[in-house]
Amino acid sequence: MNSFQISTLSSYKLIVTESKNSPATLSLIPSYAKAITRMAEITTELDSLSVQQSKDLTGITLDKHTVMEELADYVIDVAGAVHSHAIAKGDKTLQAKVNYKTHKVHIMNQSDLLNAAGIVLEEASKIPDETLANEGITTGEMTQFADAYNQFRGTTNGKREAVIERSSYTDRIAELFAEAADLKKNTLDRLATQFQRKSPEFYQRYRAAATVIHKRAAKKTTEEVQA
């Protein structure tokens, strides 16, 4: 799993823990309790799959994995800036091209991530530097984005890496995260609002647990890039 998935899993596990530590509150909404039971099953399976995946990834270079995460972060940031620019222009076509959601980018396989990065890089390159800077993306960051893209694209996949990329572990992890995200968004989050009336203290704990704390690696400074 990548760092974003690990952070998200920690949040899901905390939601389960907080809920199970309040059985009386849980009993107030049976459908919420049922969803928590399923979320607990998902997190348990994800923990197990993570261990198995880590064993399979032994021998895969850490550098490549790091560059992949860095590229994903740039796709999210630059896509967000371009999307904001497109909204200001009223350009719905451009909005659709760069409408990449954070959780979906972080579970993309190598091929899909490269395609997304290529699209975002191309569209961002069409925007004047000053305009893009107004959206928070500097020319230095665009250079770093292009470097990460070219570095990752130039990495050749060995036979072992190709097997890992298609492994059942990787596919199953992606499926479970998708199910968990849907379960949280469409069931837990919607039902949890009732706890504002029924159990305000629990609701605050739920909100805190539902916050994903994802610490990205610090971006390179201009001096580091020049070096």
Protein backbone atom coordinates (compact mmCIF):
# COMPACT_ATOMS: atom_id res chain seq x y z
CA MET A 1 0.00 0.00 0.00
CA ASN A 2 1.11 3.57 -0.59
CA SER A 3 1.25 6.22 2.14
CA PHE A 4 -2.18 7.64 1.30
CA GLN A 5 -3.80 4.20 1.52
CA ILE A 6 -2.05 3.56 4.84
CA SER A 7 -3.32 6.89 6.23
CA THR A 8 -6.84 6.18 4.97
CA LEU A 9 -6.82 2.69 6.47
CA SER A 10 -5.78 4.17 9.83
CA SER A 11 -8.79 6.49 9.69
CA TYR A 12 -11.17 3.63 8.85
CA LYS A 13 -9.79 1.53 11.71
CA LEU A 14 -10.22 4.41 14.14
CA ILE A 15 -13.84 4.86 13.05
CA VAL A 16 -14.44 1.18 13.78
CA THR A 17 -12.70 1.37 17.16
CA GLU A 18 -14.59 4.49 18.29
CA SER A 19 -17.88 2.95 17.20
CA LYS A 20 -17.32 -0.41 18.89
CA ASN A 21 -16.25 1.37 22.08
CA SER A 22 -19.74 2.91 22.22
CA PRO A 23 -22.13 -0.07 21.89
CA ALA A 24 -25.09 1.82 23.37
CA THR A 25 -24.68 4.60 20.83
CA LEU A 26 -24.16 2.07 18.06
CA SER A 27 -27.47 0.40 18.91
CA LEU A 28 -29.36 3.63 18.22
CA ILE A 29 -28.96 3.18 14.46
CA PRO A 30 -28.88 -0.51 13.43
CA SER A 31 -27.95 0.28 9.82
CA TYR A 32 -24.95 2.25 11.04
CA ALA A 33 -23.94 -0.69 13.25
CA LYS A 34 -24.24 -3.07 10.30
CA ALA A 35 -22.03 -0.81 8.18
CA ILE A 36 -19.44 -0.68 10.97
CA THR A 37 -19.38 -4.48 11.07
CA ARG A 38 -18.61 -4.55 7.34
CA MET A 39 -16.00 -1.81 7.69
CA ALA A 40 -14.31 -3.86 10.41
CA GLU A 41 -14.19 -6.86 8.07
CA ILE A 42 -12.70 -4.71 5.31
CA THR A 43 -9.97 -3.26 7.54
CA THR A 44 -9.04 -6.70 8.83
CA GLU A 45 -8.69 -8.03 5.29
CA LEU A 46 -6.70 -4.98 4.21
CA ASP A 47 -4.27 -5.50 7.08
CA SER A 48 -3.75 -9.09 6.01
CA LEU A 49 -3.36 -8.24 2.33
CA SER A 50 -0.90 -5.47 3.15
CA VAL A 51 1.40 -7.98 4.82
CA GLN A 52 1.20 -10.35 1.85
CA GLN A 53 1.72 -7.53 -0.65
CA SER A 54 4.78 -6.30 1.25
CA LYS A 55 6.31 -9.76 0.99
CA ASP A 56 5.69 -9.81 -2.77
CA LEU A 57 7.18 -6.35 -3.19
CA THR A 58 10.49 -7.40 -1.68
CA GLY A 59 13.11 -6.69 -4.33
CA ILE A 60 11.11 -3.93 -6.04
CA THR A 61 13.16 -0.75 -5.82
CA LEU A 62 12.08 1.73 -3.17
CA ASP A 63 13.11 4.61 -5.44
CA LYS A 64 10.50 3.70 -8.03
CA HIS A 65 7.79 3.46 -5.40
CA THR A 66 8.81 6.87 -4.02
CA VAL A 67 8.74 8.49 -7.46
CA MET A 68 5.31 6.98 -8.10
CA GLU A 69 3.95 8.57 -4.90
CA GLU A 70 5.59 11.89 -5.76
CA LEU A 71 4.05 11.81 -9.23
CA ALA A 72 0.61 11.05 -7.79
CA ASP A 73 0.90 14.05 -5.47
CA TYR A 74 1.81 16.35 -8.37
CA VAL A 75 -1.09 15.02 -10.46
CA ILE A 76 -3.49 15.90 -7.63
CA ASP A 77 -2.03 19.36 -6.95
CA VAL A 78 -1.61 20.49 -10.54
CA ALA A 79 -4.94 19.00 -11.63
CA GLY A 80 -6.60 20.95 -8.82
CA ALA A 81 -4.96 24.18 -9.97
CA VAL A 82 -5.93 23.62 -13.60
CA HIS A 83 -9.47 22.69 -12.55
CA SER A 84 -9.77 25.93 -10.56
CA HIS A 85 -8.52 27.89 -13.58
CA ALA A 86 -11.04 26.08 -15.81
CA ILE A 87 -13.90 26.98 -13.47
CA ALA A 88 -12.88 30.64 -13.54
CA LYS A 89 -12.90 30.49 -17.37
CA GLY A 90 -16.14 28.53 -17.51
CA ASP A 91 -14.34 25.83 -19.51
CA LYS A 92 -16.28 22.66 -18.70
CA THR A 93 -14.29 20.56 -21.19
CA LEU A 94 -11.05 21.35 -19.38
CA GLN A 95 -12.71 20.76 -16.01
CA ALA A 96 -13.67 17.24 -17.10
CA LYS A 97 -10.17 16.49 -18.42
CA VAL A 98 -8.46 17.20 -15.10
CA ASN A 99 -11.17 16.15 -12.64
CA TYR A 100 -9.03 13.65 -10.74
CA LYS A 101 -10.08 12.73 -7.19
CA THR A 102 -7.35 12.24 -4.59
CA HIS A 103 -8.35 8.75 -3.46
CA LYS A 104 -8.68 7.52 -7.05
CA VAL A 105 -5.26 8.84 -8.08
CA HIS A 106 -3.62 7.07 -5.16
CA ILE A 107 -4.98 3.66 -6.16
CA MET A 108 -4.14 3.97 -9.88
CA ASN A 109 -1.85 1.38 -11.41
CA GLN A 110 1.32 2.50 -13.15
CA SER A 111 -0.21 2.77 -16.61
CA ASP A 112 -3.25 4.78 -15.49
CA LEU A 113 -1.10 7.12 -13.39
CA LEU A 114 1.19 7.82 -16.34
CA ASN A 115 -1.80 8.57 -18.56
CA ALA A 116 -3.29 10.92 -15.97
CA ALA A 117 0.05 12.65 -15.40
CA GLY A 118 0.51 13.11 -19.14
CA ILE A 119 -2.91 14.72 -19.53
CA VAL A 120 -2.49 17.04 -16.55
CA LEU A 121 1.03 18.02 -17.57
CA GLU A 122 -0.10 18.78 -21.13
CA GLU A 123 -3.08 20.90 -20.06
CA ALA A 124 -1.10 22.77 -17.41
CA SER A 125 1.63 23.55 -19.94
CA LYS A 126 -0.93 25.41 -22.06
CA ILE A 127 -1.60 27.88 -19.24
CA PRO A 128 0.67 30.95 -18.86
CA ASP A 129 3.12 30.69 -15.94
CA GLU A 130 1.68 33.76 -14.21
CA THR A 131 -1.87 32.45 -14.44
CA LEU A 132 -0.84 29.05 -13.08
CA ALA A 133 1.09 30.74 -10.28
CA ASN A 134 -2.11 32.51 -9.26
CA GLU A 135 -3.55 29.02 -8.70
CA GLY A 136 -0.57 28.11 -6.49
CA ILE A 137 1.65 26.18 -8.94
CA THR A 138 5.05 27.72 -9.63
CA THR A 139 7.31 27.15 -12.63
CA GLY A 140 9.67 25.26 -10.31
CA GLU A 141 6.90 22.87 -9.32
CA MET A 142 6.00 22.34 -12.97
CA THR A 143 9.63 21.45 -13.65
CA GLN A 144 9.61 18.97 -10.77
CA PHE A 145 6.32 17.52 -12.03
CA ALA A 146 7.80 17.02 -15.51
CA ASP A 147 10.97 15.50 -14.04
CA ALA A 148 8.97 13.03 -11.93
CA TYR A 149 6.84 12.12 -14.95
CA ASN A 150 9.85 11.52 -17.20
CA GLN A 151 11.72 9.62 -14.51
CA PHE A 152 8.80 7.32 -13.83
CA ARG A 153 7.99 6.85 -17.52
CA GLY A 154 11.60 5.95 -18.21
CA THR A 155 11.67 3.22 -15.60
CA THR A 156 11.44 -0.15 -17.30
CA ASN A 157 9.18 -2.77 -15.80
CA GLY A 158 10.90 -6.03 -15.14
CA LYS A 159 8.98 -9.29 -15.33
CA ARG A 160 8.65 -9.41 -11.55
CA GLU A 161 7.26 -5.86 -11.39
CA ALA A 162 4.74 -6.64 -14.11
CA VAL A 163 3.54 -9.62 -12.10
CA ILE A 164 3.22 -7.50 -8.95
CA GLU A 165 1.33 -4.81 -10.85
CA ARG A 166 -1.28 -7.38 -11.88
CA SER A 167 -1.19 -9.35 -8.64
CA SER A 168 -4.40 -10.41 -6.97
CA TYR A 169 -3.25 -8.65 -3.79
CA THR A 170 -2.99 -5.28 -5.52
CA ASP A 171 -6.33 -5.71 -7.27
CA ARG A 172 -8.11 -6.85 -4.11
CA ILE A 173 -6.69 -3.95 -2.08
CA ALA A 174 -8.01 -1.49 -4.67
CA GLU A 175 -11.44 -3.17 -4.59
CA LEU A 176 -11.63 -3.04 -0.80
CA PHE A 177 -10.63 0.62 -0.62
CA ALA A 178 -13.28 1.45 -3.20
CA GLU A 179 -15.92 -0.42 -1.18
CA ALA A 180 -14.80 1.20 2.07
CA ALA A 181 -14.87 4.70 0.55
CA ASP A 182 -18.40 4.10 -0.75
CA LEU A 183 -19.51 2.67 2.61
CA LYS A 184 -18.16 5.68 4.51
CA LYS A 185 -19.47 8.32 2.11
CA ASN A 186 -22.92 6.91 1.40
CA THR A 187 -23.78 5.13 4.67
CA LEU A 188 -21.65 6.07 7.66
CA ASP A 189 -21.29 9.79 6.93
CA ARG A 190 -24.98 10.16 6.11
CA LEU A 191 -26.22 8.27 9.16
CA ALA A 192 -23.65 9.77 11.53
CA THR A 193 -25.29 13.20 11.27
CA GLN A 194 -28.06 11.85 13.53
CA PHE A 195 -25.55 11.53 16.34
CA GLN A 196 -25.36 15.33 16.53
CA ARG A 197 -28.72 15.04 18.32
CA LYS A 198 -28.52 11.57 19.79
CA SER A 199 -24.93 11.52 21.00
CA PRO A 200 -23.00 14.76 20.35
CA GLU A 201 -19.84 13.55 22.08
CA PHE A 202 -19.70 10.43 19.92
CA TYR A 203 -20.35 12.52 16.81
CA GLN A 204 -17.27 14.65 17.54
CA ARG A 205 -15.17 11.52 17.98
CA TYR A 206 -16.51 10.17 14.69
CA ARG A 207 -15.64 13.40 12.88
CA ALA A 208 -12.12 13.32 14.30
CA ALA A 209 -11.64 9.66 13.34
CA ALA A 210 -12.97 10.29 9.84
CA THR A 211 -10.28 12.88 9.15
CA VAL A 212 -7.48 11.33 7.08
CA ILE A 213 -4.10 12.68 8.17
CA HIS A 214 -1.84 12.18 5.18
CA LYS A 215 1.66 13.60 5.50
CA ARG A 216 3.25 14.02 2.10
CA ALA A 217 6.98 14.16 1.57
CA ALA A 218 8.25 17.74 1.46
CA LYS A 219 8.62 19.11 -2.05
CA LYS A 220 12.12 19.90 -3.27
CA THR A 221 13.31 23.46 -2.89
CA THR A 222 14.63 25.51 -5.82
CA GLU A 223 18.16 25.02 -4.47
CA GLU A 224 17.74 21.25 -4.38
CA VAL A 225 16.42 21.17 -7.95
CA GLN A 226 19.36 23.27 -9.21
CA ALA A 227 21.81 21.02 -7.36
